[in-house]
């Protein structure tokens, strides 16, 4: 007896088209190109989840460095001074303090002996 797979293929293609919503051209409409596009998008998403952490850490470093330069100090001396003073603030919170709460950032600088 002949096995008909029409409904299974339609469900699979429909699920694929749900994933390619918003893509342009053949990347959305044809099955082969859509599947390639979804695989590539998954690879990019995986890679960029790791990249995002790196990018944010460098952004925080740049912000802290800019705040320190305005006071005539530099980043490479500031971080060891924090460690020596046992101040365990991370770069994210230091950057937030430098931007939004400069008075508190001044106090951190004094505590670090700078």
N, C-alpha and C. Protein backbone atom coordinates (compact mmCIF):
# COMPACT_ATOMS: atom_id res chain seq x y z
N UNK A 1 0.84 -1.19 0.00
CA UNK A 1 0.00 0.00 0.00
C UNK A 1 0.89 1.25 0.00
N UNK A 2 0.46 2.27 -0.72
CA UNK A 2 1.23 3.50 -0.86
C UNK A 2 1.07 4.36 0.39
N UNK A 3 2.20 4.93 0.87
CA UNK A 3 2.17 5.80 2.05
C UNK A 3 2.17 7.24 1.59
N UNK A 4 1.19 8.00 2.01
CA UNK A 4 1.12 9.41 1.62
C UNK A 4 1.63 10.26 2.79
N UNK A 5 2.56 11.16 2.49
CA UNK A 5 3.18 11.95 3.55
C UNK A 5 2.82 13.43 3.46
N UNK A 6 1.79 13.73 2.73
CA UNK A 6 1.45 15.13 2.45
C UNK A 6 1.28 15.97 3.70
N UNK A 7 0.53 15.49 4.68
CA UNK A 7 0.24 16.31 5.86
C UNK A 7 1.49 16.55 6.69
N UNK A 8 2.38 15.56 6.75
CA UNK A 8 3.62 15.71 7.53
C UNK A 8 4.52 16.75 6.89
N UNK A 9 4.63 16.69 5.56
CA UNK A 9 5.45 17.67 4.84
C UNK A 9 4.87 19.08 5.01
N UNK A 10 3.56 19.19 4.91
CA UNK A 10 2.93 20.51 5.05
C UNK A 10 3.17 21.09 6.44
N UNK A 11 3.07 20.25 7.45
CA UNK A 11 3.32 20.73 8.82
C UNK A 11 4.77 21.18 9.00
N UNK A 12 5.69 20.40 8.44
CA UNK A 12 7.12 20.72 8.55
C UNK A 12 7.43 22.05 7.84
N UNK A 13 6.88 22.21 6.63
CA UNK A 13 7.12 23.43 5.86
C UNK A 13 6.45 24.62 6.54
N UNK A 14 5.28 24.40 7.09
CA UNK A 14 4.56 25.48 7.79
C UNK A 14 5.37 25.95 9.01
N UNK A 15 5.94 25.00 9.73
CA UNK A 15 6.77 25.36 10.89
C UNK A 15 8.01 26.12 10.44
N UNK A 16 8.60 25.71 9.33
CA UNK A 16 9.77 26.39 8.78
C UNK A 16 9.41 27.82 8.37
N UNK A 17 8.26 27.98 7.74
CA UNK A 17 7.84 29.32 7.31
C UNK A 17 7.52 30.22 8.51
N UNK A 18 7.10 29.62 9.60
CA UNK A 18 6.90 30.42 10.82
C UNK A 18 8.23 31.00 11.30
N UNK A 19 9.29 30.20 11.18
CA UNK A 19 10.62 30.65 11.61
C UNK A 19 11.20 31.71 10.68
N UNK A 20 10.80 31.69 9.40
CA UNK A 20 11.37 32.63 8.44
C UNK A 20 10.49 33.86 8.25
N UNK A 21 9.57 34.08 9.14
CA UNK A 21 8.70 35.26 9.04
C UNK A 21 9.56 36.53 9.10
N UNK A 22 9.37 37.41 8.14
CA UNK A 22 10.14 38.64 8.11
C UNK A 22 11.36 38.58 7.21
N UNK A 23 11.72 37.41 6.72
CA UNK A 23 12.84 37.30 5.79
C UNK A 23 12.39 37.78 4.41
N UNK A 24 13.35 38.10 3.55
CA UNK A 24 13.02 38.63 2.24
C UNK A 24 13.28 37.62 1.13
N UNK A 25 12.46 37.72 0.09
CA UNK A 25 12.68 36.93 -1.12
C UNK A 25 12.56 35.43 -0.93
N UNK A 26 13.44 34.71 -1.62
CA UNK A 26 13.38 33.24 -1.59
C UNK A 26 13.74 32.68 -0.22
N UNK A 27 14.41 33.47 0.61
CA UNK A 27 14.77 33.00 1.95
C UNK A 27 13.51 32.75 2.80
N UNK A 28 12.41 33.30 2.36
CA UNK A 28 11.16 33.07 3.07
C UNK A 28 10.30 32.03 2.39
N UNK A 29 10.26 32.07 1.06
CA UNK A 29 9.25 31.29 0.35
C UNK A 29 9.68 29.87 -0.03
N UNK A 30 10.90 29.68 -0.52
CA UNK A 30 11.28 28.33 -0.94
C UNK A 30 11.84 27.54 0.24
N UNK A 31 11.55 26.27 0.24
CA UNK A 31 11.89 25.42 1.39
C UNK A 31 13.40 25.33 1.58
N UNK A 32 14.14 25.09 0.50
CA UNK A 32 15.58 24.88 0.62
C UNK A 32 16.28 26.15 1.13
N UNK A 33 15.97 27.27 0.51
CA UNK A 33 16.61 28.54 0.91
C UNK A 33 16.16 28.96 2.31
N UNK A 34 14.90 28.69 2.65
CA UNK A 34 14.39 29.03 3.98
C UNK A 34 15.10 28.21 5.05
N UNK A 35 15.31 26.94 4.77
CA UNK A 35 16.00 26.06 5.72
C UNK A 35 17.44 26.52 5.92
N UNK A 36 18.12 26.88 4.83
CA UNK A 36 19.48 27.40 4.93
C UNK A 36 19.51 28.69 5.75
N UNK A 37 18.53 29.55 5.52
CA UNK A 37 18.47 30.83 6.22
C UNK A 37 18.25 30.64 7.72
N UNK A 38 17.39 29.69 8.07
CA UNK A 38 17.11 29.42 9.49
C UNK A 38 18.34 28.85 10.18
N UNK A 39 19.05 27.96 9.51
CA UNK A 39 20.28 27.36 10.08
C UNK A 39 21.32 28.45 10.30
N UNK A 40 21.50 29.31 9.29
CA UNK A 40 22.49 30.39 9.38
C UNK A 40 22.11 31.37 10.49
N UNK A 41 20.82 31.67 10.59
CA UNK A 41 20.35 32.59 11.64
C UNK A 41 20.63 32.02 13.02
N UNK A 42 20.44 30.70 13.15
CA UNK A 42 20.73 30.04 14.43
C UNK A 42 22.21 30.11 14.78
N UNK A 43 23.06 29.94 13.78
CA UNK A 43 24.51 30.03 14.02
C UNK A 43 24.89 31.44 14.45
N UNK A 44 24.33 32.43 13.77
CA UNK A 44 24.63 33.83 14.12
C UNK A 44 24.14 34.16 15.52
N UNK A 45 22.95 33.67 15.87
CA UNK A 45 22.38 33.95 17.18
C UNK A 45 23.24 33.33 18.28
N UNK A 46 23.70 32.10 18.07
CA UNK A 46 24.54 31.42 19.05
C UNK A 46 25.84 32.18 19.24
N UNK A 47 26.49 32.53 18.11
CA UNK A 47 27.77 33.26 18.18
C UNK A 47 27.60 34.60 18.86
N UNK A 48 26.51 35.31 18.53
CA UNK A 48 26.34 36.66 19.04
C UNK A 48 25.87 36.71 20.49
N UNK A 49 25.33 35.61 20.99
CA UNK A 49 25.04 35.57 22.44
C UNK A 49 26.34 35.63 23.22
N UNK A 50 27.38 34.98 22.70
CA UNK A 50 28.70 35.04 23.34
C UNK A 50 29.31 36.43 23.12
N UNK A 51 29.16 36.95 21.90
CA UNK A 51 29.75 38.24 21.51
C UNK A 51 29.18 39.39 22.33
N UNK A 52 27.89 39.29 22.65
CA UNK A 52 27.19 40.35 23.39
C UNK A 52 27.86 40.62 24.74
N UNK A 53 28.27 39.56 25.41
CA UNK A 53 28.92 39.70 26.71
C UNK A 53 30.24 40.46 26.57
N UNK A 54 30.99 40.11 25.52
CA UNK A 54 32.27 40.77 25.23
C UNK A 54 32.06 42.25 24.92
N UNK A 55 31.05 42.52 24.08
CA UNK A 55 30.79 43.91 23.66
C UNK A 55 30.39 44.78 24.84
N UNK A 56 29.53 44.26 25.72
CA UNK A 56 29.10 45.05 26.87
C UNK A 56 30.25 45.32 27.83
N UNK A 57 31.10 44.31 28.05
CA UNK A 57 32.23 44.52 28.95
C UNK A 57 33.15 45.62 28.41
N UNK A 58 33.39 45.64 27.10
CA UNK A 58 34.25 46.68 26.53
C UNK A 58 33.56 48.04 26.60
N UNK A 59 32.24 48.08 26.45
CA UNK A 59 31.50 49.34 26.59
C UNK A 59 31.65 49.90 28.00
N UNK A 60 31.50 49.03 29.01
CA UNK A 60 31.64 49.48 30.39
C UNK A 60 33.05 50.00 30.65
N UNK A 61 34.04 49.32 30.11
CA UNK A 61 35.43 49.74 30.28
C UNK A 61 35.65 51.12 29.68
N UNK A 62 35.12 51.34 28.49
CA UNK A 62 35.27 52.64 27.82
C UNK A 62 34.59 53.74 28.63
N UNK A 63 33.41 53.46 29.17
CA UNK A 63 32.70 54.46 29.96
C UNK A 63 33.45 54.82 31.25
N UNK A 64 33.95 53.80 31.93
CA UNK A 64 34.72 54.05 33.16
C UNK A 64 35.97 54.85 32.83
N UNK A 65 36.65 54.45 31.77
CA UNK A 65 37.87 55.12 31.35
C UNK A 65 37.60 56.58 31.04
N UNK A 66 36.50 56.87 30.36
CA UNK A 66 36.15 58.26 30.01
C UNK A 66 35.89 59.08 31.27
N UNK A 67 35.20 58.49 32.25
CA UNK A 67 34.92 59.20 33.49
C UNK A 67 36.22 59.47 34.26
N UNK A 68 37.14 58.52 34.22
CA UNK A 68 38.42 58.68 34.91
C UNK A 68 39.29 59.73 34.22
N UNK A 69 39.30 59.71 32.90
CA UNK A 69 40.11 60.69 32.15
C UNK A 69 39.65 62.12 32.42
N UNK A 70 38.36 62.30 32.64
CA UNK A 70 37.83 63.63 32.95
C UNK A 70 38.39 64.13 34.29
N UNK A 71 38.80 63.19 35.13
CA UNK A 71 39.37 63.55 36.43
C UNK A 71 40.90 63.45 36.44
N UNK A 72 41.48 63.20 35.27
CA UNK A 72 42.94 63.14 35.17
C UNK A 72 43.54 61.81 35.62
N UNK A 73 42.73 60.79 35.66
CA UNK A 73 43.21 59.46 36.08
C UNK A 73 43.13 58.51 34.90
N UNK A 74 43.68 57.30 35.07
CA UNK A 74 43.52 56.33 33.99
C UNK A 74 43.05 54.97 34.52
N UNK A 75 42.45 54.23 33.60
CA UNK A 75 41.78 52.97 33.91
C UNK A 75 42.75 51.91 34.43
N UNK A 76 43.95 51.85 33.82
CA UNK A 76 44.88 50.78 34.17
C UNK A 76 45.43 50.91 35.59
N UNK A 77 45.36 52.09 36.15
CA UNK A 77 45.77 52.25 37.55
C UNK A 77 44.58 52.13 38.50
N UNK A 78 43.39 52.44 37.96
CA UNK A 78 42.18 52.43 38.78
C UNK A 78 41.78 51.02 39.20
N UNK A 79 41.78 50.07 38.27
CA UNK A 79 41.32 48.71 38.57
C UNK A 79 42.19 48.03 39.63
N UNK A 80 43.54 48.09 39.52
CA UNK A 80 44.35 47.51 40.60
C UNK A 80 44.15 48.22 41.95
N UNK A 81 43.90 49.52 41.92
CA UNK A 81 43.64 50.26 43.16
C UNK A 81 42.35 49.77 43.82
N UNK A 82 41.34 49.46 43.01
CA UNK A 82 40.09 48.91 43.54
C UNK A 82 40.33 47.56 44.21
N UNK A 83 41.09 46.72 43.54
CA UNK A 83 41.37 45.39 44.09
C UNK A 83 42.15 45.48 45.40
N UNK A 84 43.10 46.41 45.43
CA UNK A 84 43.91 46.60 46.63
C UNK A 84 43.07 47.11 47.80
N UNK A 85 42.06 47.95 47.49
CA UNK A 85 41.19 48.50 48.53
C UNK A 85 40.03 47.56 48.86
N UNK A 86 40.02 46.36 48.27
CA UNK A 86 38.96 45.37 48.49
C UNK A 86 37.57 45.89 48.12
N UNK A 87 37.48 46.64 47.06
CA UNK A 87 36.19 47.10 46.54
C UNK A 87 35.81 46.15 45.42
N UNK A 88 34.70 45.44 45.60
CA UNK A 88 34.34 44.37 44.66
C UNK A 88 33.20 44.77 43.73
N UNK A 89 33.15 46.02 43.33
CA UNK A 89 32.14 46.43 42.35
C UNK A 89 32.57 45.96 40.97
N UNK A 90 31.60 45.45 40.21
CA UNK A 90 31.94 45.02 38.85
C UNK A 90 31.91 46.20 37.89
N UNK A 91 32.37 45.96 36.67
CA UNK A 91 32.50 47.05 35.69
C UNK A 91 31.15 47.61 35.29
N UNK A 92 30.13 46.78 35.28
CA UNK A 92 28.79 47.25 34.92
C UNK A 92 28.30 48.29 35.92
N UNK A 93 28.41 47.99 37.20
CA UNK A 93 27.92 48.92 38.21
C UNK A 93 28.81 50.16 38.30
N UNK A 94 30.12 50.00 38.10
CA UNK A 94 31.01 51.16 38.08
C UNK A 94 30.66 52.10 36.94
N UNK A 95 30.34 51.54 35.79
CA UNK A 95 29.97 52.35 34.65
C UNK A 95 28.66 53.10 34.89
N UNK A 96 27.70 52.42 35.51
CA UNK A 96 26.43 53.07 35.85
C UNK A 96 26.65 54.21 36.84
N UNK A 97 27.51 53.97 37.83
CA UNK A 97 27.82 55.02 38.80
C UNK A 97 28.49 56.21 38.12
N UNK A 98 29.42 55.94 37.23
CA UNK A 98 30.15 57.00 36.55
C UNK A 98 29.22 57.88 35.73
N UNK A 99 28.21 57.28 35.12
CA UNK A 99 27.30 58.04 34.25
C UNK A 99 26.18 58.72 35.04
N UNK A 100 25.48 57.94 35.85
CA UNK A 100 24.26 58.44 36.49
C UNK A 100 24.45 59.00 37.90
N UNK A 101 25.51 58.58 38.58
CA UNK A 101 25.73 59.04 39.96
C UNK A 101 27.19 59.45 40.15
N UNK A 102 27.60 60.58 39.57
CA UNK A 102 29.01 60.98 39.64
C UNK A 102 29.50 61.23 41.07
N UNK A 103 28.61 61.66 41.96
CA UNK A 103 29.02 61.91 43.35
C UNK A 103 29.42 60.61 44.04
N UNK A 104 28.67 59.56 43.79
CA UNK A 104 28.98 58.25 44.37
C UNK A 104 30.28 57.71 43.76
N UNK A 105 30.46 57.94 42.46
CA UNK A 105 31.68 57.50 41.78
C UNK A 105 32.89 58.20 42.39
N UNK A 106 32.74 59.48 42.76
CA UNK A 106 33.81 60.23 43.43
C UNK A 106 34.19 59.55 44.75
N UNK A 107 33.17 59.13 45.50
CA UNK A 107 33.42 58.46 46.78
C UNK A 107 34.17 57.15 46.58
N UNK A 108 33.81 56.42 45.52
CA UNK A 108 34.51 55.16 45.19
C UNK A 108 35.97 55.47 44.88
N UNK A 109 36.21 56.55 44.15
CA UNK A 109 37.58 56.94 43.82
C UNK A 109 38.38 57.25 45.10
N UNK A 110 37.74 57.95 46.02
CA UNK A 110 38.42 58.29 47.29
C UNK A 110 38.72 57.03 48.11
N UNK A 111 37.76 56.11 48.14
CA UNK A 111 37.95 54.85 48.87
C UNK A 111 39.10 54.03 48.27
N UNK A 112 39.23 54.13 46.94
CA UNK A 112 40.29 53.38 46.26
C UNK A 112 41.64 54.07 46.42
N UNK A 113 41.64 55.25 47.00
CA UNK A 113 42.89 55.98 47.23
C UNK A 113 43.40 56.71 46.00
N UNK A 114 42.49 57.20 45.21
CA UNK A 114 42.91 57.90 43.98
C UNK A 114 42.55 59.37 44.02
